[in-house]
């Protein structure tokens, strides 16, 4: 147990070094689009590092309390995107679910993409709104959903055939989880990812 804790601690530290290097590189770039892309990659690395941080602090080294992880990740993203100053609230509704590391990393990366997308794009030109994250267990099946009451997806955009890296990653990681993905676009946008608990 001590050895495994040390491994998770070192992996987390190494990922934080990578995150810092990406941040330093981003600050050197004059092109705002390139800078933004590097910062997005930095957030993805931080999402993985947070899994190892939670594993390091967990009583059980094989899984984490996903509600605690979600709260930490979503709060960090909200601060990064100045959500409170823009009138955007976070609403978290999490069943007490423990997720193994094999599922926690793809779930964390899906969560990172969907919450980031909502905070960046859903409230353009809108004074305020809410980003809601839910994790619900029904028997042996878990459903993770991220919803917003913002402006919705652009007309004609099929999220499954989008050329954006973020949405592409969502469906790639959902495939790793053998998950079903539903997208609702009425009154905002809702992504629901449902998968069997292992």
Protein backbone atom coordinates (compact mmCIF):
# COMPACT_ATOMS: atom_id res chain seq x y z
CA UNK A 1 0.00 0.00 0.00
CA UNK A 2 2.79 2.41 0.87
CA UNK A 3 4.55 1.67 -2.41
CA UNK A 4 1.36 2.20 -4.44
CA UNK A 5 0.70 5.49 -2.63
CA UNK A 6 4.22 6.60 -3.47
CA UNK A 7 3.71 5.67 -7.14
CA UNK A 8 0.50 7.72 -7.35
CA UNK A 9 2.21 10.61 -5.57
CA UNK A 10 5.15 10.58 -8.00
CA UNK A 11 2.91 10.24 -11.06
CA UNK A 12 0.88 13.22 -9.82
CA UNK A 13 4.06 15.27 -9.28
CA UNK A 14 5.40 14.39 -12.74
CA UNK A 15 2.10 15.35 -14.36
CA UNK A 16 2.16 18.66 -12.49
CA UNK A 17 5.64 19.31 -13.90
CA UNK A 18 4.30 18.66 -17.41
CA UNK A 19 1.37 20.98 -16.67
CA UNK A 20 3.76 23.72 -15.55
CA UNK A 21 5.92 23.28 -18.68
CA UNK A 22 2.84 23.66 -20.89
CA UNK A 23 1.84 26.78 -18.98
CA UNK A 24 5.34 28.29 -19.36
CA UNK A 25 5.34 27.48 -23.07
CA UNK A 26 1.89 29.05 -23.50
CA UNK A 27 3.09 32.30 -21.91
CA UNK A 28 5.84 32.53 -24.55
CA UNK A 29 3.41 32.40 -27.45
CA UNK A 30 2.15 35.56 -29.12
CA UNK A 31 -0.63 33.81 -31.06
CA UNK A 32 -3.70 33.75 -28.75
CA UNK A 33 -5.18 30.71 -30.54
CA UNK A 34 -2.01 28.64 -30.04
CA UNK A 35 -1.76 29.83 -26.43
CA UNK A 36 -5.35 28.71 -25.81
CA UNK A 37 -4.68 25.28 -27.31
CA UNK A 38 -1.71 24.74 -25.02
CA UNK A 39 -3.70 25.83 -21.98
CA UNK A 40 -6.45 23.37 -22.94
CA UNK A 41 -3.83 20.61 -23.04
CA UNK A 42 -2.60 21.77 -19.64
CA UNK A 43 -6.12 21.35 -18.21
CA UNK A 44 -6.29 17.81 -19.62
CA UNK A 45 -3.03 16.91 -17.89
CA UNK A 46 -4.34 18.44 -14.64
CA UNK A 47 -7.51 16.34 -14.90
CA UNK A 48 -5.37 13.18 -14.99
CA UNK A 49 -3.08 14.43 -12.20
CA UNK A 50 -6.13 15.02 -10.00
CA UNK A 51 -7.12 11.34 -10.32
CA UNK A 52 -3.70 10.31 -8.96
CA UNK A 53 -3.93 12.94 -6.22
CA UNK A 54 -7.30 11.53 -5.12
CA UNK A 55 -5.96 7.96 -5.30
CA UNK A 56 -2.97 8.98 -3.17
CA UNK A 57 -5.33 10.34 -0.51
CA UNK A 58 -7.83 7.49 -0.74
CA UNK A 59 -8.21 4.68 1.77
CA UNK A 60 -8.62 2.28 -1.15
CA UNK A 61 -5.89 2.66 -3.76
CA UNK A 62 -7.95 1.07 -6.53
CA UNK A 63 -10.75 3.66 -6.72
CA UNK A 64 -11.74 7.23 -5.86
CA UNK A 65 -14.90 8.96 -4.64
CA UNK A 66 -15.94 10.49 -7.92
CA UNK A 67 -18.13 13.17 -6.32
CA UNK A 68 -15.12 14.68 -4.55
CA UNK A 69 -13.08 14.49 -7.75
CA UNK A 70 -15.86 16.17 -9.77
CA UNK A 71 -16.25 18.98 -7.26
CA UNK A 72 -12.51 19.70 -7.27
CA UNK A 73 -12.21 19.58 -11.08
CA UNK A 74 -15.37 21.59 -11.82
CA UNK A 75 -14.50 24.25 -9.22
CA UNK A 76 -11.01 24.64 -10.68
CA UNK A 77 -12.42 25.00 -14.22
CA UNK A 78 -15.01 27.53 -13.02
CA UNK A 79 -12.23 29.64 -11.47
CA UNK A 80 -10.11 29.37 -14.62
CA UNK A 81 -13.01 30.60 -16.77
CA UNK A 82 -14.08 33.32 -14.27
CA UNK A 83 -17.53 31.74 -14.05
CA UNK A 84 -18.70 33.59 -10.92
CA UNK A 85 -17.72 36.99 -12.34
CA UNK A 86 -19.69 36.17 -15.50
CA UNK A 87 -22.78 35.12 -13.52
CA UNK A 88 -22.38 31.40 -14.26
CA UNK A 89 -23.24 29.03 -11.40
CA UNK A 90 -22.13 25.42 -10.90
CA UNK A 91 -24.70 22.87 -9.77
CA UNK A 92 -23.36 19.46 -8.69
CA UNK A 93 -25.58 16.46 -7.90
CA UNK A 94 -23.50 13.38 -7.22
CA UNK A 95 -24.49 9.96 -5.91
CA UNK A 96 -21.87 8.48 -3.58
CA UNK A 97 -20.00 6.55 -6.25
CA UNK A 98 -16.51 5.05 -6.14
CA UNK A 99 -14.87 4.65 -9.54
CA UNK A 100 -11.80 2.59 -10.35
CA UNK A 101 -8.77 4.23 -11.92
CA UNK A 102 -9.44 2.62 -15.32
CA UNK A 103 -12.78 4.43 -15.51
CA UNK A 104 -11.83 7.52 -13.49
CA UNK A 105 -9.31 8.86 -16.02
CA UNK A 106 -11.58 8.70 -19.11
CA UNK A 107 -14.51 10.01 -16.99
CA UNK A 108 -12.33 12.85 -15.72
CA UNK A 109 -11.22 13.77 -19.23
CA UNK A 110 -14.82 13.68 -20.53
CA UNK A 111 -15.85 15.88 -17.62
CA UNK A 112 -12.99 18.29 -18.30
CA UNK A 113 -14.00 18.68 -21.96
CA UNK A 114 -17.73 19.08 -21.37
CA UNK A 115 -17.51 21.50 -18.44
CA UNK A 116 -14.83 23.55 -20.25
CA UNK A 117 -16.95 23.69 -23.42
CA UNK A 118 -20.01 24.81 -21.48
CA UNK A 119 -18.10 27.53 -19.62
CA UNK A 120 -16.39 28.78 -22.79
CA UNK A 121 -19.18 28.61 -25.36
CA UNK A 122 -22.64 28.21 -23.81
CA UNK A 123 -23.03 31.72 -22.42
CA UNK A 124 -21.51 33.91 -25.13
CA UNK A 125 -23.64 37.06 -25.15
CA UNK A 126 -25.74 35.70 -22.27
CA UNK A 127 -25.50 37.47 -18.91
CA UNK A 128 -25.81 34.41 -16.67
CA UNK A 129 -26.65 30.74 -16.49
CA UNK A 130 -25.95 27.39 -14.85
CA UNK A 131 -23.71 24.43 -15.62
CA UNK A 132 -25.07 21.28 -14.00
CA UNK A 133 -23.08 18.10 -13.44
CA UNK A 134 -24.82 14.90 -12.33
CA UNK A 135 -23.62 11.40 -11.56
CA UNK A 136 -26.40 8.89 -10.95
CA UNK A 137 -26.22 5.17 -10.23
CA UNK A 138 -29.06 2.90 -11.35
CA UNK A 139 -28.24 -0.67 -10.43
CA UNK A 140 -24.84 -1.44 -11.98
CA UNK A 141 -25.08 1.43 -14.45
CA UNK A 142 -23.66 4.93 -13.99
CA UNK A 143 -24.78 8.02 -15.88
CA UNK A 144 -22.58 11.11 -15.96
CA UNK A 145 -24.26 14.18 -17.42
CA UNK A 146 -23.16 17.76 -18.05
CA UNK A 147 -25.86 20.26 -18.94
CA UNK A 148 -26.13 24.02 -19.41
CA UNK A 149 -29.00 26.43 -20.02
CA UNK A 150 -27.00 28.50 -22.48
CA UNK A 151 -27.34 29.31 -26.18
CA UNK A 152 -27.07 25.70 -27.35
CA UNK A 153 -24.96 24.12 -30.07
CA UNK A 154 -24.53 25.95 -33.38
CA UNK A 155 -27.29 25.11 -35.89
CA UNK A 156 -26.48 22.05 -37.97
CA UNK A 157 -23.60 20.92 -35.73
CA UNK A 158 -23.53 17.15 -35.23
CA UNK A 159 -21.41 16.60 -32.10
CA UNK A 160 -20.48 13.10 -33.27
CA UNK A 161 -19.00 14.45 -36.49
CA UNK A 162 -17.50 17.64 -35.12
CA UNK A 163 -13.97 18.56 -36.17
CA UNK A 164 -13.17 19.99 -32.72
CA UNK A 165 -10.66 18.09 -30.62
CA UNK A 166 -12.70 18.48 -27.42
CA UNK A 167 -15.83 16.74 -28.72
CA UNK A 168 -13.73 14.17 -30.53
CA UNK A 169 -12.09 13.31 -27.19
CA UNK A 170 -15.48 13.01 -25.48
CA UNK A 171 -16.63 10.32 -27.91
CA UNK A 172 -13.21 8.60 -27.95
CA UNK A 173 -13.14 8.27 -24.14
CA UNK A 174 -16.81 7.25 -24.08
CA UNK A 175 -15.88 4.43 -26.44
CA UNK A 176 -13.14 3.34 -24.02
CA UNK A 177 -15.81 3.10 -21.31
CA UNK A 178 -18.13 1.21 -23.71
CA UNK A 179 -20.61 4.00 -22.91
CA UNK A 180 -23.78 5.21 -24.57
CA UNK A 181 -23.78 8.94 -25.32
CA UNK A 182 -26.94 11.01 -25.64
CA UNK A 183 -26.99 14.67 -26.65
CA UNK A 184 -30.01 16.89 -26.02
CA UNK A 185 -30.14 20.40 -27.44
CA UNK A 186 -33.44 21.77 -26.21
CA UNK A 187 -33.16 24.72 -23.81
CA UNK A 188 -29.37 24.52 -23.80
CA UNK A 189 -27.20 21.43 -24.18
CA UNK A 190 -27.01 18.19 -22.22
CA UNK A 191 -24.49 15.38 -22.71
CA UNK A 192 -25.27 12.11 -20.91
CA UNK A 193 -22.70 9.31 -20.79
CA UNK A 194 -24.04 6.01 -19.47
CA UNK A 195 -21.81 2.99 -18.79
CA UNK A 196 -21.70 -0.20 -16.77
CA UNK A 197 -19.93 -0.07 -13.41
CA UNK A 198 -17.01 -2.50 -13.31
